C-alpha atoms as a PDB file:
ATOM      1  CA  UNK A   1      10.397  -2.085 -22.382  1.00  0.00           C
ATOM      2  CA  UNK A   2      13.745  -1.260 -20.517  1.00  0.00           C
ATOM      3  CA  UNK A   3      14.728   1.793 -18.901  1.00  0.00           C
ATOM      4  CA  UNK A   4      18.626   2.987 -17.393  1.00  0.00           C
ATOM      5  CA  UNK A   5      17.117   5.478 -14.893  1.00  0.00           C
ATOM      6  CA  UNK A   6      14.118   5.721 -12.481  1.00  0.00           C
ATOM      7  CA  UNK A   7      10.925   6.373 -14.007  1.00  0.00           C
ATOM      8  CA  UNK A   8       9.587   9.802 -12.496  1.00  0.00           C
ATOM      9  CA  UNK A   9       7.375  11.388 -14.680  1.00  0.00           C
ATOM     10  CA  UNK A  10       9.511  10.891 -17.962  1.00  0.00           C
ATOM     11  CA  UNK A  11      11.060   7.822 -18.999  1.00  0.00           C
ATOM     12  CA  UNK A  12      13.086   7.658 -22.241  1.00  0.00           C
ATOM     13  CA  UNK A  13      12.478   4.585 -24.515  1.00  0.00           C
ATOM     14  CA  UNK A  14      15.554   3.930 -27.287  1.00  0.00           C
ATOM     15  CA  UNK A  15      16.150   7.165 -27.080  1.00  0.00           C
ATOM     16  CA  UNK A  16      12.590   8.964 -27.141  1.00  0.00           C
ATOM     17  CA  UNK A  17      10.728  10.921 -24.603  1.00  0.00           C
ATOM     18  CA  UNK A  18       7.609   9.667 -22.570  1.00  0.00           C
ATOM     19  CA  UNK A  19       5.565  10.594 -20.286  1.00  0.00           C
ATOM     20  CA  UNK A  20       4.630   8.062 -17.109  1.00  0.00           C
ATOM     21  CA  UNK A  21       1.638   6.811 -15.748  1.00  0.00           C
ATOM     22  CA  UNK A  22       3.210   3.816 -13.899  1.00  0.00           C
ATOM     23  CA  UNK A  23       4.783   2.353 -10.925  1.00  0.00           C
ATOM     24  CA  UNK A  24       3.871   2.927  -7.495  1.00  0.00           C
ATOM     25  CA  UNK A  25       5.486   5.963  -6.066  1.00  0.00           C
ATOM     26  CA  UNK A  26       2.568   7.882  -5.613  1.00  0.00           C
ATOM     27  CA  UNK A  27       4.402  10.632  -3.295  1.00  0.00           C
ATOM     28  CA  UNK A  28       7.274  10.827  -5.699  1.00  0.00           C
ATOM     29  CA  UNK A  29       9.654  10.674  -3.107  1.00  0.00           C
ATOM     30  CA  UNK A  30      12.253   8.603  -5.113  1.00  0.00           C
ATOM     31  CA  UNK A  31      13.455  11.073  -7.068  1.00  0.00           C
ATOM     32  CA  UNK A  32      12.358  14.725  -4.759  1.00  0.00           C
ATOM     33  CA  UNK A  33      15.923  15.953  -4.005  1.00  0.00           C
ATOM     34  CA  UNK A  34      15.086  17.114  -0.550  1.00  0.00           C
ATOM     35  CA  UNK A  35      14.264  13.434  -0.312  1.00  0.00           C
ATOM     36  CA  UNK A  36      17.189  12.314  -1.724  1.00  0.00           C
ATOM     37  CA  UNK A  37      19.568  14.152   0.428  1.00  0.00           C
ATOM     38  CA  UNK A  38      18.200  13.070   3.838  1.00  0.00           C
ATOM     39  CA  UNK A  39      18.278   8.975   2.738  1.00  0.00           C
ATOM     40  CA  UNK A  40      21.704   9.903   1.818  1.00  0.00           C
ATOM     41  CA  UNK A  41      22.811  11.771   4.639  1.00  0.00           C
ATOM     42  CA  UNK A  42      21.561   8.364   6.748  1.00  0.00           C
ATOM     43  CA  UNK A  43      23.300   6.172   4.687  1.00  0.00           C
ATOM     44  CA  UNK A  44      26.574   8.563   5.599  1.00  0.00           C
ATOM     45  CA  UNK A  45      25.717   7.839   9.154  1.00  0.00           C
ATOM     46  CA  UNK A  46      23.851   4.559   9.068  1.00  0.00           C
ATOM     47  CA  UNK A  47      26.052   2.155   6.533  1.00  0.00           C
ATOM     48  CA  UNK A  48      24.162   1.317   3.661  1.00  0.00           C
ATOM     49  CA  UNK A  49      22.990  -2.323   5.583  1.00  0.00           C
ATOM     50  CA  UNK A  50      22.629  -3.384   9.170  1.00  0.00           C
ATOM     51  CA  UNK A  51      22.971  -7.390   8.927  1.00  0.00           C
ATOM     52  CA  UNK A  52      22.674  -7.910  12.676  1.00  0.00           C
ATOM     53  CA  UNK A  53      19.948  -8.952  14.131  1.00  0.00           C
ATOM     54  CA  UNK A  54      16.688  -6.590  15.813  1.00  0.00           C
ATOM     55  CA  UNK A  55      16.872  -8.848  18.862  1.00  0.00           C
ATOM     56  CA  UNK A  56      20.787  -8.248  19.126  1.00  0.00           C
ATOM     57  CA  UNK A  57      22.624  -6.903  22.501  1.00  0.00           C
ATOM     58  CA  UNK A  58      23.292  -3.351  20.428  1.00  0.00           C
ATOM     59  CA  UNK A  59      20.587  -1.260  19.881  1.00  0.00           C
ATOM     60  CA  UNK A  60      20.464   0.734  16.713  1.00  0.00           C
ATOM     61  CA  UNK A  61      18.217   3.828  17.657  1.00  0.00           C
ATOM     62  CA  UNK A  62      17.667   4.326  14.265  1.00  0.00           C
ATOM     63  CA  UNK A  63      14.655   1.750  14.535  1.00  0.00           C
ATOM     64  CA  UNK A  64      12.927   3.290  17.707  1.00  0.00           C
ATOM     65  CA  UNK A  65      13.152   7.270  15.534  1.00  0.00           C
ATOM     66  CA  UNK A  66      11.266   5.877  12.559  1.00  0.00           C
ATOM     67  CA  UNK A  67       8.973   3.208  14.293  1.00  0.00           C
ATOM     68  CA  UNK A  68       7.356   6.237  17.231  1.00  0.00           C
ATOM     69  CA  UNK A  69       7.294   8.697  13.713  1.00  0.00           C
ATOM     70  CA  UNK A  70       5.137   5.623  11.992  1.00  0.00           C
ATOM     71  CA  UNK A  71       3.088   4.592  15.113  1.00  0.00           C
ATOM     72  CA  UNK A  72       2.188   8.988  15.082  1.00  0.00           C
ATOM     73  CA  UNK A  73       1.505   8.469  11.699  1.00  0.00           C
ATOM     74  CA  UNK A  74      -1.032   6.027  11.142  1.00  0.00           C
ATOM     75  CA  UNK A  75      -2.466   6.649  14.878  1.00  0.00           C
ATOM     76  CA  UNK A  76      -1.558   3.589  15.599  1.00  0.00           C
ATOM     77  CA  UNK A  77      -0.251   2.256  19.660  1.00  0.00           C
ATOM     78  CA  UNK A  78       2.683   0.064  18.251  1.00  0.00           C
ATOM     79  CA  UNK A  79       4.256  -0.015  14.931  1.00  0.00           C
ATOM     80  CA  UNK A  80       7.807  -2.414  13.750  1.00  0.00           C
ATOM     81  CA  UNK A  81       9.474  -2.148  10.979  1.00  0.00           C
ATOM     82  CA  UNK A  82      11.154  -5.524   9.018  1.00  0.00           C
ATOM     83  CA  UNK A  83      12.586  -5.870   5.816  1.00  0.00           C
ATOM     84  CA  UNK A  84       9.817  -5.562   3.284  1.00  0.00           C
ATOM     85  CA  UNK A  85       6.059  -5.327   3.093  1.00  0.00           C
ATOM     86  CA  UNK A  86       6.085  -9.189   1.783  1.00  0.00           C
ATOM     87  CA  UNK A  87       7.986 -10.101   4.992  1.00  0.00           C
ATOM     88  CA  UNK A  88       5.777  -8.026   7.282  1.00  0.00           C
ATOM     89  CA  UNK A  89       2.707 -10.266   6.023  1.00  0.00           C
ATOM     90  CA  UNK A  90       3.989 -13.648   6.445  1.00  0.00           C
ATOM     91  CA  UNK A  91       5.543 -12.726   9.832  1.00  0.00           C
ATOM     92  CA  UNK A  92       1.944 -11.827  10.724  1.00  0.00           C
ATOM     93  CA  UNK A  93       0.394 -14.714   9.104  1.00  0.00           C
ATOM     94  CA  UNK A  94       2.974 -16.996  11.348  1.00  0.00           C
ATOM     95  CA  UNK A  95       2.051 -15.369  14.065  1.00  0.00           C
ATOM     96  CA  UNK A  96      -2.034 -15.562  13.745  1.00  0.00           C
ATOM     97  CA  UNK A  97      -2.250 -19.149  13.233  1.00  0.00           C
ATOM     98  CA  UNK A  98      -1.428 -20.380  16.196  1.00  0.00           C
ATOM     99  CA  UNK A  99      -4.402 -18.479  17.772  1.00  0.00           C
ATOM    100  CA  UNK A 100      -7.112 -18.183  14.592  1.00  0.00           C
ATOM    101  CA  UNK A 101      -9.304 -21.028  14.132  1.00  0.00           C
ATOM    102  CA  UNK A 102     -10.584 -19.944  11.317  1.00  0.00           C
ATOM    103  CA  UNK A 103      -9.694 -17.825   8.084  1.00  0.00           C
ATOM    104  CA  UNK A 104     -11.986 -15.843   6.314  1.00  0.00           C
ATOM    105  CA  UNK A 105     -10.830 -13.865   3.184  1.00  0.00           C
ATOM    106  CA  UNK A 106     -12.146 -10.305   1.046  1.00  0.00           C
ATOM    107  CA  UNK A 107     -12.095 -11.371  -2.780  1.00  0.00           C
ATOM    108  CA  UNK A 108      -8.665 -10.627  -4.343  1.00  0.00           C
ATOM    109  CA  UNK A 109      -6.546 -10.754  -1.722  1.00  0.00           C
ATOM    110  CA  UNK A 110      -2.785 -10.210  -2.053  1.00  0.00           C
ATOM    111  CA  UNK A 111      -1.047 -13.065  -1.731  1.00  0.00           C
ATOM    112  CA  UNK A 112       1.143 -10.941   1.666  1.00  0.00           C
ATOM    113  CA  UNK A 113      -1.399 -12.022   3.278  1.00  0.00           C
ATOM    114  CA  UNK A 114      -3.105 -15.146   1.741  1.00  0.00           C
ATOM    115  CA  UNK A 115      -3.059 -18.248   3.813  1.00  0.00           C
ATOM    116  CA  UNK A 116      -4.256 -22.052   2.899  1.00  0.00           C
ATOM    117  CA  UNK A 117      -7.522 -22.977   4.139  1.00  0.00           C
ATOM    118  CA  UNK A 118      -9.002 -19.782   4.235  1.00  0.00           C
ATOM    119  CA  UNK A 119     -13.128 -19.020   3.506  1.00  0.00           C
ATOM    120  CA  UNK A 120     -14.211 -16.494   1.877  1.00  0.00           C
ATOM    121  CA  UNK A 121     -16.360 -13.756   3.764  1.00  0.00           C
ATOM    122  CA  UNK A 122     -19.080 -13.635   0.321  1.00  0.00           C
ATOM    123  CA  UNK A 123     -20.239 -16.036  -0.843  1.00  0.00           C
ATOM    124  CA  UNK A 124     -23.077 -16.029  -3.723  1.00  0.00           C
ATOM    125  CA  UNK A 125     -23.058 -12.177  -2.678  1.00  0.00           C
ATOM    126  CA  UNK A 126     -23.738 -12.794   0.880  1.00  0.00           C
ATOM    127  CA  UNK A 127     -22.239 -12.874   3.996  1.00  0.00           C
ATOM    128  CA  UNK A 128     -20.806 -17.027   4.777  1.00  0.00           C
ATOM    129  CA  UNK A 129     -23.169 -18.100   6.842  1.00  0.00           C
ATOM    130  CA  UNK A 130     -20.277 -19.755   8.586  1.00  0.00           C
ATOM    131  CA  UNK A 131     -19.534 -16.078  10.269  1.00  0.00           C
ATOM    132  CA  UNK A 132     -23.296 -15.676  11.211  1.00  0.00           C
ATOM    133  CA  UNK A 133     -23.136 -19.346  13.165  1.00  0.00           C
ATOM    134  CA  UNK A 134     -23.389 -20.012  17.198  1.00  0.00           C
ATOM    135  CA  UNK A 135     -20.014 -22.101  17.740  1.00  0.00           C
ATOM    136  CA  UNK A 136     -17.538 -19.731  19.776  1.00  0.00           C
ATOM    137  CA  UNK A 137     -14.274 -19.698  17.653  1.00  0.00           C
ATOM    138  CA  UNK A 138     -10.866 -17.230  16.905  1.00  0.00           C
ATOM    139  CA  UNK A 139     -10.980 -16.314  13.395  1.00  0.00           C
ATOM    140  CA  UNK A 140      -9.038 -13.575  11.572  1.00  0.00           C
ATOM    141  CA  UNK A 141     -10.145 -11.748   9.163  1.00  0.00           C
ATOM    142  CA  UNK A 142      -7.792 -10.867   5.533  1.00  0.00           C
ATOM    143  CA  UNK A 143      -8.244  -7.862   3.453  1.00  0.00           C
ATOM    144  CA  UNK A 144      -6.138  -5.348   1.481  1.00  0.00           C
ATOM    145  CA  UNK A 145      -6.637  -1.665   2.158  1.00  0.00           C
ATOM    146  CA  UNK A 146      -7.567  -1.134  -1.581  1.00  0.00           C
ATOM    147  CA  UNK A 147      -8.381  -4.565  -3.477  1.00  0.00           C
ATOM    148  CA  UNK A 148      -6.764  -4.937  -6.607  1.00  0.00           C
ATOM    149  CA  UNK A 149      -8.985  -3.166  -9.615  1.00  0.00           C
ATOM    150  CA  UNK A 150     -10.636  -1.238  -7.394  1.00  0.00           C
ATOM    151  CA  UNK A 151     -10.930   3.068  -6.386  1.00  0.00           C
ATOM    152  CA  UNK A 152     -12.149   2.987  -2.467  1.00  0.00           C
ATOM    153  CA  UNK A 153     -11.403   1.293   0.228  1.00  0.00           C
ATOM    154  CA  UNK A 154     -13.072  -1.907   1.704  1.00  0.00           C
ATOM    155  CA  UNK A 155     -16.718  -1.142   3.188  1.00  0.00           C
ATOM    156  CA  UNK A 156     -15.722  -3.691   6.560  1.00  0.00           C
ATOM    157  CA  UNK A 157     -19.467  -2.931   8.154  1.00  0.00           C
ATOM    158  CA  UNK A 158     -20.641  -6.447   6.878  1.00  0.00           C
ATOM    159  CA  UNK A 159     -18.400  -7.663   9.986  1.00  0.00           C
ATOM    160  CA  UNK A 160     -20.914  -5.896  12.593  1.00  0.00           C
ATOM    161  CA  UNK A 161     -22.495  -9.020  10.946  1.00  0.00           C
ATOM    162  CA  UNK A 162     -20.662 -11.581  12.121  1.00  0.00           C
ATOM    163  CA  UNK A 163     -22.112 -13.223  15.399  1.00  0.00           C
ATOM    164  CA  UNK A 164     -21.315 -12.566  19.184  1.00  0.00           C
ATOM    165  CA  UNK A 165     -20.179 -15.823  19.919  1.00  0.00           C
ATOM    166  CA  UNK A 166     -16.852 -15.723  17.186  1.00  0.00           C
ATOM    167  CA  UNK A 167     -13.977 -13.647  18.770  1.00  0.00           C
ATOM    168  CA  UNK A 168     -12.563 -11.503  15.604  1.00  0.00           C
ATOM    169  CA  UNK A 169      -9.055 -10.269  14.461  1.00  0.00           C
ATOM    170  CA  UNK A 170      -8.963  -8.208  11.441  1.00  0.00           C
ATOM    171  CA  UNK A 171      -5.406  -7.747   9.166  1.00  0.00           C
ATOM    172  CA  UNK A 172      -5.691  -5.400   6.967  1.00  0.00           C
ATOM    173  CA  UNK A 173      -2.747  -5.028   4.114  1.00  0.00           C
ATOM    174  CA  UNK A 174      -2.260  -0.810   3.870  1.00  0.00           C
ATOM    175  CA  UNK A 175       0.432  -1.244   1.073  1.00  0.00           C
ATOM    176  CA  UNK A 176      -1.776   1.056  -1.554  1.00  0.00           C
ATOM    177  CA  UNK A 177      -3.504   3.506   0.899  1.00  0.00           C
ATOM    178  CA  UNK A 178      -0.664   4.512   3.725  1.00  0.00           C
ATOM    179  CA  UNK A 179       0.454   7.374   2.447  1.00  0.00           C
ATOM    180  CA  UNK A 180      -3.124   7.755  -0.137  1.00  0.00           C
ATOM    181  CA  UNK A 181      -6.159   8.273   1.993  1.00  0.00           C
ATOM    182  CA  UNK A 182      -6.895   9.453   5.042  1.00  0.00           C
ATOM    183  CA  UNK A 183      -5.562  12.495   6.989  1.00  0.00           C
ATOM    184  CA  UNK A 184      -1.938  13.968   5.506  1.00  0.00           C
ATOM    185  CA  UNK A 185      -1.964  10.303   4.158  1.00  0.00           C
ATOM    186  CA  UNK A 186      -2.586   8.558   7.892  1.00  0.00           C
ATOM    187  CA  UNK A 187      -4.012   5.366   5.963  1.00  0.00           C
ATOM    188  CA  UNK A 188      -7.532   3.362   6.655  1.00  0.00           C
ATOM    189  CA  UNK A 189      -6.351   1.608  10.096  1.00  0.00           C
ATOM    190  CA  UNK A 190      -6.850   4.611  12.730  1.00  0.00           C
ATOM    191  CA  UNK A 191     -10.699   4.615  11.086  1.00  0.00           C
ATOM    192  CA  UNK A 192     -11.760   1.380  11.857  1.00  0.00           C
ATOM    193  CA  UNK A 193     -13.777   1.266  14.295  1.00  0.00           C
ATOM    194  CA  UNK A 194     -15.850  -1.734  14.571  1.00  0.00           C
ATOM    195  CA  UNK A 195     -17.074  -4.927  16.863  1.00  0.00           C
ATOM    196  CA  UNK A 196     -13.730  -6.592  17.005  1.00  0.00           C
ATOM    197  CA  UNK A 197     -10.993  -8.057  19.234  1.00  0.00           C
ATOM    198  CA  UNK A 198      -7.736  -6.889  17.333  1.00  0.00           C
ATOM    199  CA  UNK A 199      -6.442  -4.865  14.356  1.00  0.00           C
ATOM    200  CA  UNK A 200      -3.137  -5.283  12.327  1.00  0.00           C
ATOM    201  CA  UNK A 201      -2.192  -3.412   9.968  1.00  0.00           C
ATOM    202  CA  UNK A 202       0.702  -4.708   7.445  1.00  0.00           C
ATOM    203  CA  UNK A 203       1.647  -1.985   4.852  1.00  0.00           C
ATOM    204  CA  UNK A 204       4.881  -1.968   2.184  1.00  0.00           C
ATOM    205  CA  UNK A 205       6.579   0.986   2.902  1.00  0.00           C
ATOM    206  CA  UNK A 206       7.924   1.236  -0.683  1.00  0.00           C
ATOM    207  CA  UNK A 207       5.278   2.352  -2.407  1.00  0.00           C
ATOM    208  CA  UNK A 208       4.215   6.056  -1.407  1.00  0.00           C
ATOM    209  CA  UNK A 209       6.624   5.918   1.161  1.00  0.00           C
ATOM    210  CA  UNK A 210       9.438   5.538  -0.942  1.00  0.00           C
ATOM    211  CA  UNK A 211      11.704   3.524   1.350  1.00  0.00           C
ATOM    212  CA  UNK A 212      12.617  -0.324   0.750  1.00  0.00           C
ATOM    213  CA  UNK A 213      11.007  -1.803   3.989  1.00  0.00           C
ATOM    214  CA  UNK A 214       7.617  -2.437   5.591  1.00  0.00           C
ATOM    215  CA  UNK A 215       5.717  -2.268   8.422  1.00  0.00           C
ATOM    216  CA  UNK A 216       3.381  -3.868  11.106  1.00  0.00           C
ATOM    217  CA  UNK A 217       0.849  -1.663  13.228  1.00  0.00           C
ATOM    218  CA  UNK A 218      -1.570  -2.870  15.866  1.00  0.00           C
ATOM    219  CA  UNK A 219      -1.525  -2.946  19.814  1.00  0.00           C
ATOM    220  CA  UNK A 220       1.968  -3.403  21.339  1.00  0.00           C
ATOM    221  CA  UNK A 221       1.083  -6.581  22.906  1.00  0.00           C
ATOM    222  CA  UNK A 222       0.377  -8.270  19.829  1.00  0.00           C
ATOM    223  CA  UNK A 223       3.862  -6.353  17.885  1.00  0.00           C
ATOM    224  CA  UNK A 224       5.672  -7.236  21.518  1.00  0.00           C
ATOM    225  CA  UNK A 225       4.799 -11.075  20.074  1.00  0.00           C
ATOM    226  CA  UNK A 226       6.086 -10.193  17.322  1.00  0.00           C
ATOM    227  CA  UNK A 227       9.309  -9.382  18.105  1.00  0.00           C
ATOM    228  CA  UNK A 228       9.886 -12.561  19.625  1.00  0.00           C
ATOM    229  CA  UNK A 229       9.230 -14.760  17.345  1.00  0.00           C
ATOM    230  CA  UNK A 230      11.635 -16.558  15.686  1.00  0.00           C
ATOM    231  CA  UNK A 231      11.716 -15.545  12.535  1.00  0.00           C
ATOM    232  CA  UNK A 232      12.091 -11.338  13.468  1.00  0.00           C
ATOM    233  CA  UNK A 233      14.708 -12.346  15.358  1.00  0.00           C
ATOM    234  CA  UNK A 234      16.763 -14.185  12.645  1.00  0.00           C
ATOM    235  CA  UNK A 235      16.265 -11.459   9.959  1.00  0.00           C
ATOM    236  CA  UNK A 236      17.731  -8.814   9.593  1.00  0.00           C
ATOM    237  CA  UNK A 237      15.858  -5.429   9.992  1.00  0.00           C
ATOM    238  CA  UNK A 238      15.185  -2.685   7.215  1.00  0.00           C
ATOM    239  CA  UNK A 239      18.015  -1.291   6.677  1.00  0.00           C
ATOM    240  CA  UNK A 240      18.438   1.797   9.792  1.00  0.00           C
ATOM    241  CA  UNK A 241      19.435   4.472   7.917  1.00  0.00           C
ATOM    242  CA  UNK A 242      16.318   3.899   5.299  1.00  0.00           C
ATOM    243  CA  UNK A 243      14.249   4.241   9.144  1.00  0.00           C
ATOM    244  CA  UNK A 244      15.353   7.251  10.360  1.00  0.00           C
ATOM    245  CA  UNK A 245      15.061   8.762   6.856  1.00  0.00           C
ATOM    246  CA  UNK A 246      11.617   7.866   7.444  1.00  0.00           C
ATOM    247  CA  UNK A 247      11.837  10.575  10.900  1.00  0.00           C
ATOM    248  CA  UNK A 248      13.785  12.660   9.221  1.00  0.00           C
ATOM    249  CA  UNK A 249      10.862  12.778   6.183  1.00  0.00           C
ATOM    250  CA  UNK A 250       8.238  14.446   8.665  1.00  0.00           C
ATOM    251  CA  UNK A 251       7.624  17.040   7.220  1.00  0.00           C
ATOM    252  CA  UNK A 252       8.375  16.131   3.048  1.00  0.00           C
ATOM    253  CA  UNK A 253       4.825  13.354   3.611  1.00  0.00           C
ATOM    254  CA  UNK A 254       1.641  15.331   3.963  1.00  0.00           C
ATOM    255  CA  UNK A 255       3.721  18.532   1.306  1.00  0.00           C
ATOM    256  CA  UNK A 256       4.028  15.406  -1.139  1.00  0.00           C
ATOM    257  CA  UNK A 257       0.223  14.379  -0.207  1.00  0.00           C
ATOM    258  CA  UNK A 258      -1.224  17.927  -1.005  1.00  0.00           C
ATOM    259  CA  UNK A 259       0.535  17.722  -4.038  1.00  0.00           C
ATOM    260  CA  UNK A 260      -0.578  14.471  -5.081  1.00  0.00           C
ATOM    261  CA  UNK A 261      -4.592  15.639  -3.893  1.00  0.00           C
ATOM    262  CA  UNK A 262      -4.400  18.324  -5.468  1.00  0.00           C
ATOM    263  CA  UNK A 263      -3.721  16.736  -9.010  1.00  0.00           C
ATOM    264  CA  UNK A 264      -6.246  13.989  -8.473  1.00  0.00           C
ATOM    265  CA  UNK A 265      -8.608  17.068  -8.017  1.00  0.00           C
ATOM    266  CA  UNK A 266      -7.697  18.513 -11.249  1.00  0.00           C
ATOM    267  CA  UNK A 267      -8.266  15.549 -13.270  1.00  0.00           C
ATOM    268  CA  UNK A 268     -12.042  14.771 -11.739  1.00  0.00           C
ATOM    269  CA  UNK A 269     -12.566  18.753 -13.309  1.00  0.00           C
ATOM    270  CA  UNK A 270     -11.106  17.726 -16.583  1.00  0.00           C
ATOM    271  CA  UNK A 271     -11.464  14.398 -16.864  1.00  0.00           C
ATOM    272  CA  UNK A 272     -15.336  13.390 -19.083  1.00  0.00           C
ATOM    273  CA  UNK A 273     -16.796  10.959 -16.632  1.00  0.00           C
ATOM    274  CA  UNK A 274     -16.937   7.326 -18.547  1.00  0.00           C
ATOM    275  CA  UNK A 275     -18.632   4.093 -18.199  1.00  0.00           C
ATOM    276  CA  UNK A 276     -14.902   2.588 -19.440  1.00  0.00           C
ATOM    277  CA  UNK A 277     -12.562   4.262 -17.225  1.00  0.00           C
ATOM    278  CA  UNK A 278     -12.631   3.825 -12.739  1.00  0.00           C
ATOM    279  CA  UNK A 279     -11.397   6.403 -11.350  1.00  0.00           C
ATOM    280  CA  UNK A 280     -11.474   8.283  -8.299  1.00  0.00           C
ATOM    281  CA  UNK A 281     -11.056  12.201  -7.069  1.00  0.00           C
ATOM    282  CA  UNK A 282      -9.181  10.804  -3.509  1.00  0.00           C
ATOM    283  CA  UNK A 283      -7.585   7.784  -4.860  1.00  0.00           C
ATOM    284  CA  UNK A 284      -4.128   8.013  -7.437  1.00  0.00           C
ATOM    285  CA  UNK A 285      -4.943   4.970  -9.941  1.00  0.00           C
ATOM    286  CA  UNK A 286      -7.427   5.368 -13.009  1.00  0.00           C
ATOM    287  CA  UNK A 287      -8.499   1.548 -14.068  1.00  0.00           C
ATOM    288  CA  UNK A 288      -9.349   1.252 -17.837  1.00  0.00           C
ATOM    289  CA  UNK A 289     -11.442  -1.297 -18.864  1.00  0.00           C
ATOM    290  CA  UNK A 290     -11.054  -0.749 -23.068  1.00  0.00           C
ATOM    291  CA  UNK A 291      -7.246  -2.258 -23.215  1.00  0.00           C
ATOM    292  CA  UNK A 292      -6.763  -0.252 -26.572  1.00  0.00           C
ATOM    293  CA  UNK A 293      -6.629   2.638 -24.733  1.00  0.00           C
ATOM    294  CA  UNK A 294      -2.870   1.119 -24.279  1.00  0.00           C
ATOM    295  CA  UNK A 295      -1.784   1.787 -27.840  1.00  0.00           C
ATOM    296  CA  UNK A 296      -3.984   5.369 -28.407  1.00  0.00           C
ATOM    297  CA  UNK A 297      -1.598   6.516 -24.921  1.00  0.00           C
ATOM    298  CA  UNK A 298       1.737   5.273 -25.898  1.00  0.00           C
ATOM    299  CA  UNK A 299       1.039   6.503 -29.822  1.00  0.00           C
ATOM    300  CA  UNK A 300       0.746  10.388 -27.649  1.00  0.00           C
ATOM    301  CA  UNK A 301       4.313   9.369 -25.691  1.00  0.00           C
ATOM    302  CA  UNK A 302       2.673   8.519 -22.861  1.00  0.00           C
ATOM    303  CA  UNK A 303       3.304   4.665 -21.177  1.00  0.00           C
ATOM    304  CA  UNK A 304       0.765   3.336 -18.074  1.00  0.00           C
ATOM    305  CA  UNK A 305       0.972   0.239 -15.923  1.00  0.00           C
ATOM    306  CA  UNK A 306       0.154  -3.075 -18.085  1.00  0.00           C
ATOM    307  CA  UNK A 307       1.062  -6.538 -16.400  1.00  0.00           C
ATOM    308  CA  UNK A 308      -0.554  -9.153 -15.436  1.00  0.00           C
ATOM    309  CA  UNK A 309      -0.990  -9.093 -11.553  1.00  0.00           C
ATOM    310  CA  UNK A 310      -1.934 -13.156 -10.898  1.00  0.00           C
ATOM    311  CA  UNK A 311      -1.061 -16.248 -13.619  1.00  0.00           C
ATOM    312  CA  UNK A 312      -4.167 -16.653 -15.934  1.00  0.00           C
ATOM    313  CA  UNK A 313      -5.329 -13.370 -15.257  1.00  0.00           C
ATOM    314  CA  UNK A 314      -6.189 -10.304 -17.894  1.00  0.00           C
ATOM    315  CA  UNK A 315      -3.880  -7.779 -18.296  1.00  0.00           C
ATOM    316  CA  UNK A 316      -3.975  -5.123 -15.156  1.00  0.00           C
ATOM    317  CA  UNK A 317      -3.842  -2.064 -16.951  1.00  0.00           C
ATOM    318  CA  UNK A 318      -3.890   0.799 -14.756  1.00  0.00           C
ATOM    319  CA  UNK A 319      -2.744   4.770 -14.802  1.00  0.00           C
ATOM    320  CA  UNK A 320      -0.853   5.439 -11.807  1.00  0.00           C
ATOM    321  CA  UNK A 321      -1.189   9.155 -10.809  1.00  0.00           C
ATOM    322  CA  UNK A 322       1.586  11.031  -8.962  1.00  0.00           C
ATOM    323  CA  UNK A 323       2.737  14.459  -6.662  1.00  0.00           C
ATOM    324  CA  UNK A 324       5.314  14.901  -8.998  1.00  0.00           C
ATOM    325  CA  UNK A 325       3.268  14.801 -12.279  1.00  0.00           C
ATOM    326  CA  UNK A 326       3.111  18.562 -13.604  1.00  0.00           C
ATOM    327  CA  UNK A 327      -0.727  19.994 -15.294  1.00  0.00           C
ATOM    328  CA  UNK A 328       0.695  20.202 -18.360  1.00  0.00           C
ATOM    329  CA  UNK A 329       1.178  16.154 -17.669  1.00  0.00           C
ATOM    330  CA  UNK A 330      -2.210  15.836 -16.853  1.00  0.00           C
ATOM    331  CA  UNK A 331      -3.372  18.075 -19.143  1.00  0.00           C
ATOM    332  CA  UNK A 332      -2.038  15.596 -22.265  1.00  0.00           C
ATOM    333  CA  UNK A 333      -3.278  12.391 -20.358  1.00  0.00           C
ATOM    334  CA  UNK A 334      -6.647  13.813 -20.057  1.00  0.00           C
ATOM    335  CA  UNK A 335      -6.700  15.993 -23.603  1.00  0.00           C
ATOM    336  CA  UNK A 336      -6.237  11.811 -25.185  1.00  0.00           C
ATOM    337  CA  UNK A 337      -8.227   9.932 -22.441  1.00  0.00           C
ATOM    338  CA  UNK A 338     -11.200  12.319 -23.154  1.00  0.00           C
ATOM    339  CA  UNK A 339     -10.591  12.256 -26.703  1.00  0.00           C
ATOM    340  CA  UNK A 340     -11.109   7.935 -27.268  1.00  0.00           C
ATOM    341  CA  UNK A 341     -14.511   8.347 -25.037  1.00  0.00           C
ATOM    342  CA  UNK A 342     -15.624  10.875 -27.541  1.00  0.00           C
ATOM    343  CA  UNK A 343     -15.111   8.244 -29.753  1.00  0.00           C
END
């Protein structure tokens, strides 16, 4: 189905209006007037794009402003922005290949941080014996902050069981948790306190943060390594107008996050809990196990996200709640879900 304007809480299809519970604009920023005005103001100052290398002799101060904000926001020692979350993941993976003997991954890993020859953390529900042996090696653990089809952050306590002979680096993709989980939406990264050598976070900024780009966060030493890579030096950076907007919107993010939190609390109070719906009041996705509900919702003028996340897999059917949804939107959604549950 094609739409002719940004799909916010209402979309128009074949000249009929539907409530929309899809997309990834969790904080509702793409259509937020105050946020748009900041972005437009910065485009007028910094232009629509800047195709130069970040390592060129002329330095654009917008990058430092936005990256300082992101470091403070995510409570990281240092961050660097790039043009997409996908590039952030690939840059980090390429760098880690030079210093990792063996990669291990949690299930349902996003493509951005996948690598060949990686081994599963779990085999048949138990920790991989390769993580427990006496072999001295440098390993990297790969995980999403919140795995696909889940509504809770990944439990990383299993990493405490890893053999002391392993030097552990953790890479976490927070594209669907940065801006959402943690205090004011600061994400998971700052709360990870494990016996590991290094932690690294990558994330898209095109989801909760409402701006096309990506971020890498870690200790200052690793971020310096990234900045010295050939790919970083030869790629254009994130749009400087957008990076500056990150800093300028510092007061908008927590306000929108609070609206999202309130919407989720509202649903939690009114939704009849049922095994056919996976929902947690701290997370803006509701997963539907009964695909027939999609048609029932559509009959009631509600469209949700339904697509194949991976080839040969079942459709991912999820309801996405944003900061922009109004109580009457939520009431209509809850009414349909509750009546469907009782049938």
